[in-house]
Each structure stands twice: as structure tokens, then as C-alpha cells.
Amino acid sequence: MKLIGLTGGIATGKSTVSRLLVEQNIPIIDADKIARDIVEPGRKANQLIRQHFGDDVFLPDGHIDRPKLGQIIFQDPEKRKILNHCTHPYVRLEMLKEAFFYWLKGADMVVFDVPLLIESKLDRFMNTNVVVFCSDILQLQRLRKRDNLSEEQALQRIKAQMPISEKVAKADIVLDNSSNIQQLEIQVKNMIEKLRPSRLTWLFEWAGPPTALILLSVLIKQYTPSLFSVINDCIASLK
């Protein structure tokens, strides 16, 4: 199964690309969705956030007050690191579970939609890394419109992330979302054609690991008695 990392800057259009991939029946592992799920009341990450940030960032029903917590972490890089330590291990575990599930289903490729793919070093585990890009001016305009932010607030959020130019430099594929949705859709379809493995490659990658394990177990079962016999003979000769 081919692992594709998908990332980009805030408001560059990563979610739109993810939606287009879903429309093409490509499995998506959405890190943002997982991150929301693992901080639900009663979950371990929720408890850790309360320990480090206090009751002030929680609503009466036990859910996190996201605007309040967001204001804290975007203003303080150290607080942002603490939040990441509270959530990232649980997000990665759930992502691994979902990837294993798709492998069992026989998926030939799966896309990891991760905002901090490069920052968290997860790009190292991907076969291909894709970055969604647009100009700085367009990114600022889209973010302000989407989240109803002032220019200062929007710039603060953009600067809290790795510069998009650095992400582009590390990408295997760059999708330019500076135009319209039709042009982006063409780029996505071309990318799928380029990345989709052949049926033979898929069969080898899907069936290879379990086949290897079966063969290994057979070999161990067949040759273990003789191996023990050789070891016993060697011990006897030393006496």
C-alpha cells in the first residue's frame, strides 16, 4: 500500500484537495478529525490538556473551548509544544490503526491529511509527500474571509506555522491552488494517475508481508528440531 502525505499552509486549500481525493474514492486519514476525536471528554488527551492548561480552556460540558485554547497557543510557541505533546502520540496511534485497517481492506494507496506532516517528521514515513500551495497574499485573504479574522490575527496564525516555501522545498509534488477549483481538480486527477501503483505492485505489497510471515513460521517449525540438535551436539562436544 502506497502512503501519501498531504499537507500545506493554513488556508492554502489542503481540505479542498482532500475532498477531491475522497470524490475519487481515495482513502483519507484525516489528522484534524482524529485530533478532534481524541480530545473528547473522558479521553486521555483531554485529561492531559486540563492538567497543563487548567479549567479555563474548557466549556462546562467538558469539551475544549477551542477559540480560547487557540488564542493561547498561537501567541506562545512553548504552549503550542505542550499541546502537541498532549495530543500527538494519540493522534499517531489512531492514524496507524486506520492505515492498518485500509491495508487489510486491500487499498492500493492511502492519503495522510496532516497539517504538521513535515514539522512532526511524519513525511519520512511516506512514499510521496504532496504540498498544497498558493501565494502569500491569497493565503492571507482566504484565511481572513474563512475565519473572520483581522489582518493581525491572520498573520499571527500563518507565522505560527512553517513557511509554505519551506514545505514546498520538501515536497515531491506541489499542487498550485492559486487559480480556480477546476484547475485544482485537474491537478489532483493527474496526481492520482501518477501515484497509483500497478496491480502487480499492489498485489506484492498487500500479499507480501503475510506470505513472508507464513513462510517464516513454516521454516521455523521445520528446522527448529534440527537446529536444537546441532546446538546440543555442540554443547556435548565441549564437555
Protein backbone atom coordinates (compact mmCIF):
# COMPACT_ATOMS: atom_id res chain seq x y z
CA MET A 1 0.00 0.00 0.00
CA LYS A 2 1.39 3.36 -1.03
CA LEU A 3 1.49 6.03 1.69
CA ILE A 4 0.86 9.60 0.50
CA GLY A 5 1.43 12.56 2.81
CA LEU A 6 -0.76 15.61 2.15
CA THR A 7 -0.04 18.94 3.78
CA GLY A 8 0.06 22.68 3.14
CA GLY A 9 -0.21 26.02 4.87
CA ILE A 10 -3.29 27.23 6.70
CA ALA A 11 -5.99 28.26 4.18
CA THR A 12 -4.00 27.15 1.13
CA GLY A 13 -6.65 24.60 0.15
CA LYS A 14 -5.50 21.31 1.67
CA SER A 15 -9.02 20.43 2.79
CA THR A 16 -10.33 21.07 -0.70
CA VAL A 17 -7.74 18.69 -2.15
CA SER A 18 -8.69 16.11 0.47
CA ARG A 19 -12.35 16.42 -0.55
CA LEU A 20 -11.45 15.98 -4.23
CA LEU A 21 -9.49 12.84 -3.36
CA VAL A 22 -12.49 11.42 -1.49
CA GLU A 23 -14.59 12.05 -4.60
CA GLN A 24 -12.08 9.90 -6.50
CA ASN A 25 -12.53 7.12 -3.90
CA ILE A 26 -9.05 7.57 -2.41
CA PRO A 27 -8.92 6.61 1.31
CA ILE A 28 -8.10 9.57 3.57
CA ILE A 29 -6.72 9.51 7.09
CA ASP A 30 -7.66 12.95 8.43
CA ALA A 31 -5.35 14.02 11.26
CA ASP A 32 -7.55 17.02 12.12
CA LYS A 33 -10.61 14.83 12.58
CA ILE A 34 -8.62 12.38 14.69
CA ALA A 35 -7.25 15.26 16.76
CA ARG A 36 -10.82 16.40 17.49
CA ASP A 37 -11.90 12.90 18.45
CA ILE A 38 -9.02 12.16 20.83
CA VAL A 39 -9.70 15.28 22.95
CA GLU A 40 -13.35 14.42 23.59
CA PRO A 41 -14.36 14.37 27.29
CA GLY A 42 -13.10 11.25 29.02
CA ARG A 43 -10.21 10.69 26.64
CA LYS A 44 -6.63 10.71 27.94
CA ALA A 45 -5.54 13.67 25.80
CA ASN A 46 -8.44 15.71 27.18
CA GLN A 47 -7.24 14.99 30.72
CA LEU A 48 -3.64 15.95 29.87
CA ILE A 49 -4.76 19.27 28.38
CA ARG A 50 -6.69 20.06 31.55
CA GLN A 51 -3.61 19.25 33.63
CA HIS A 52 -1.37 21.60 31.63
CA PHE A 53 -3.77 24.42 30.71
CA GLY A 54 -6.30 24.39 33.53
CA ASP A 55 -10.09 24.58 33.61
CA ASP A 56 -10.19 27.96 31.86
CA VAL A 57 -9.83 26.38 28.40
CA PHE A 58 -12.79 24.04 28.95
CA LEU A 59 -16.51 24.51 28.46
CA PRO A 60 -18.96 23.47 31.21
CA ASP A 61 -19.77 20.21 29.36
CA GLY A 62 -16.11 19.12 29.41
CA HIS A 63 -15.33 19.95 25.79
CA ILE A 64 -12.37 22.17 24.96
CA ASP A 65 -13.00 25.84 24.35
CA ARG A 66 -11.15 25.84 21.03
CA PRO A 67 -11.08 29.62 20.40
CA LYS A 68 -9.65 30.26 23.86
CA LEU A 69 -7.05 27.48 23.60
CA GLY A 70 -6.18 28.58 20.07
CA GLN A 71 -5.56 32.12 21.23
CA ILE A 72 -3.11 30.82 23.84
CA ILE A 73 -1.09 28.51 21.62
CA PHE A 74 -0.83 30.89 18.65
CA GLN A 75 0.66 33.53 20.93
CA ASP A 76 3.08 31.24 22.79
CA PRO A 77 5.27 28.69 20.93
CA GLU A 78 6.10 26.88 24.18
CA LYS A 79 2.43 26.41 24.99
CA ARG A 80 1.95 25.09 21.46
CA LYS A 81 4.67 22.49 22.07
CA ILE A 82 2.98 21.41 25.29
CA LEU A 83 -0.33 20.94 23.49
CA ASN A 84 1.38 18.89 20.79
CA HIS A 85 2.92 16.63 23.43
CA CYS A 86 -0.54 16.09 24.90
CA THR A 87 -2.15 15.12 21.61
CA HIS A 88 0.37 13.90 19.02
CA PRO A 89 1.06 10.41 20.49
CA TYR A 90 -2.66 9.61 20.48
CA VAL A 91 -3.19 11.06 17.01
CA ARG A 92 -0.35 8.94 15.62
CA LEU A 93 -1.71 5.79 17.25
CA GLU A 94 -5.14 6.31 15.69
CA MET A 95 -3.57 7.07 12.31
CA LEU A 96 -1.62 3.81 12.50
CA LYS A 97 -4.81 1.89 13.33
CA GLU A 98 -6.63 3.42 10.36
CA ALA A 99 -3.74 2.70 8.00
CA PHE A 100 -3.71 -0.94 9.10
CA PHE A 101 -7.46 -1.13 8.55
CA TYR A 102 -7.12 0.18 4.97
CA TRP A 103 -4.28 -2.29 4.31
CA LEU A 104 -6.50 -5.15 5.47
CA LYS A 105 -9.20 -3.92 3.10
CA GLY A 106 -6.72 -4.13 0.24
CA ALA A 107 -6.33 -0.41 -0.51
CA ASP A 108 -3.59 0.28 -3.05
CA MET A 109 -2.91 3.77 -1.65
CA VAL A 110 -3.94 5.90 1.31
CA VAL A 111 -3.54 9.64 1.90
CA PHE A 112 -2.50 11.03 5.28
CA ASP A 113 -4.02 14.52 5.52
CA VAL A 114 -1.75 16.09 8.16
CA PRO A 115 -1.29 19.87 8.67
CA LEU A 116 2.01 19.34 10.55
CA LEU A 117 3.25 16.47 8.39
CA ILE A 118 6.74 17.91 7.90
CA GLU A 119 7.05 19.58 11.29
CA SER A 120 6.25 16.31 13.06
CA LYS A 121 8.69 14.35 10.83
CA LEU A 122 5.90 12.07 9.57
CA ASP A 123 6.94 12.90 5.99
CA ARG A 124 9.85 10.48 6.46
CA PHE A 125 7.43 7.54 6.55
CA MET A 126 5.60 8.47 3.35
CA ASN A 127 6.31 7.20 -0.14
CA THR A 128 5.32 10.58 -1.59
CA ASN A 129 4.73 13.98 0.02
CA VAL A 130 2.28 16.45 -1.51
CA VAL A 131 2.11 20.14 -0.59
CA VAL A 132 -0.84 22.40 -1.47
CA PHE A 133 0.40 25.89 -2.26
CA CYS A 134 -0.96 29.35 -3.01
CA SER A 135 0.52 32.86 -2.91
CA ASP A 136 1.05 34.60 0.43
CA ILE A 137 -1.46 37.35 -0.43
CA LEU A 138 -4.12 34.85 -1.45
CA GLN A 139 -3.48 32.77 1.66
CA LEU A 140 -3.98 35.82 3.88
CA GLN A 141 -7.18 36.83 2.08
CA ARG A 142 -8.66 33.34 2.29
CA LEU A 143 -7.82 32.93 5.97
CA ARG A 144 -9.33 36.29 6.92
CA LYS A 145 -12.51 35.52 5.00
CA ARG A 146 -12.81 31.94 6.23
CA ASP A 147 -12.30 32.60 9.95
CA ASN A 148 -13.47 36.25 10.06
CA LEU A 149 -10.09 37.43 11.38
CA SER A 150 -8.32 40.76 11.42
CA GLU A 151 -5.15 41.01 9.35
CA GLU A 152 -3.04 40.88 12.52
CA GLN A 153 -4.81 37.74 13.78
CA ALA A 154 -4.49 36.03 10.40
CA LEU A 155 -0.78 36.85 10.10
CA GLN A 156 -0.23 35.54 13.62
CA ARG A 157 -1.68 32.17 12.64
CA ILE A 158 0.27 32.00 9.40
CA LYS A 159 3.56 32.84 11.13
CA ALA A 160 2.91 30.17 13.76
CA GLN A 161 3.43 27.55 11.03
CA MET A 162 6.45 26.55 8.98
CA PRO A 163 6.73 28.92 5.98
CA ILE A 164 4.95 27.46 2.97
CA SER A 165 8.11 27.98 0.89
CA GLU A 166 9.97 25.53 3.14
CA LYS A 167 7.21 22.95 2.78
CA VAL A 168 7.26 23.34 -1.00
CA ALA A 169 11.03 22.75 -0.99
CA LYS A 170 10.49 19.40 0.77
CA ALA A 171 7.60 18.27 -1.43
CA ASP A 172 7.66 15.54 -4.07
CA ILE A 173 4.55 17.02 -5.67
CA VAL A 174 3.22 20.59 -5.40
CA LEU A 175 -0.43 21.41 -6.14
CA ASP A 176 -0.88 25.09 -7.01
CA ASN A 177 -4.22 26.31 -5.67
CA SER A 178 -3.83 29.89 -6.85
CA SER A 179 -6.45 29.55 -9.59
CA ASN A 180 -9.95 28.03 -9.58
CA ILE A 181 -11.39 24.72 -8.41
CA GLN A 182 -11.46 23.32 -11.96
CA GLN A 183 -7.70 23.75 -12.37
CA LEU A 184 -7.08 22.21 -8.96
CA GLU A 185 -9.28 19.23 -9.83
CA ILE A 186 -7.23 18.59 -13.00
CA GLN A 187 -4.02 18.62 -10.95
CA VAL A 188 -5.48 16.18 -8.42
CA LYS A 189 -6.60 13.72 -11.12
CA ASN A 190 -3.19 13.87 -12.79
CA MET A 191 -1.53 13.23 -9.43
CA ILE A 192 -3.69 10.15 -8.79
CA GLU A 193 -2.77 8.70 -12.19
CA LYS A 194 0.90 9.28 -11.46
CA LEU A 195 0.86 7.81 -7.95
CA ARG A 196 -1.47 4.85 -8.27
CA PRO A 197 0.62 1.64 -8.18
CA SER A 198 0.19 -1.10 -10.77
CA ARG A 199 -1.94 -4.14 -9.91
CA LEU A 200 1.19 -6.29 -9.71
CA THR A 201 2.87 -3.86 -7.31
CA TRP A 202 -0.29 -3.67 -5.21
CA LEU A 203 -0.58 -7.47 -5.06
CA PHE A 204 3.05 -7.84 -3.97
CA GLU A 205 2.81 -5.11 -1.33
CA TRP A 206 -0.50 -6.37 0.05
CA ALA A 207 0.21 -10.11 -0.02
CA GLY A 208 3.98 -9.94 0.56
CA PRO A 209 4.14 -9.35 4.35
CA PRO A 210 1.63 -12.05 5.40
CA THR A 211 3.14 -14.51 2.92
CA ALA A 212 6.60 -13.86 4.33
CA LEU A 213 5.32 -14.43 7.87
CA ILE A 214 3.68 -17.72 6.87
CA LEU A 215 6.87 -18.93 5.17
CA LEU A 216 8.94 -17.91 8.18
CA SER A 217 6.67 -19.80 10.55
CA VAL A 218 6.85 -22.91 8.35
CA LEU A 219 10.65 -22.72 8.18
CA ILE A 220 10.94 -22.28 11.94
CA LYS A 221 8.63 -25.22 12.56
CA GLN A 222 10.50 -27.40 10.05
CA TYR A 223 14.05 -26.62 11.01
CA THR A 224 13.83 -25.82 14.74
CA PRO A 225 14.24 -29.50 15.84
CA SER A 226 17.38 -29.96 13.75
CA LEU A 227 18.70 -26.61 14.95
CA PHE A 228 18.29 -27.69 18.56
CA SER A 229 20.03 -30.98 17.71
CA VAL A 230 23.05 -29.12 16.32
CA ILE A 231 23.21 -26.91 19.41
CA ASN A 232 23.02 -29.95 21.72
CA ASP A 233 25.80 -31.69 19.76
CA CYS A 234 28.00 -28.62 20.10
CA ILE A 235 27.37 -28.46 23.85
CA ALA A 236 28.13 -32.19 24.22
CA SER A 237 31.42 -31.83 22.36
CA LEU A 238 32.53 -29.17 24.83
CA LYS A 239 32.07 -31.43 27.85
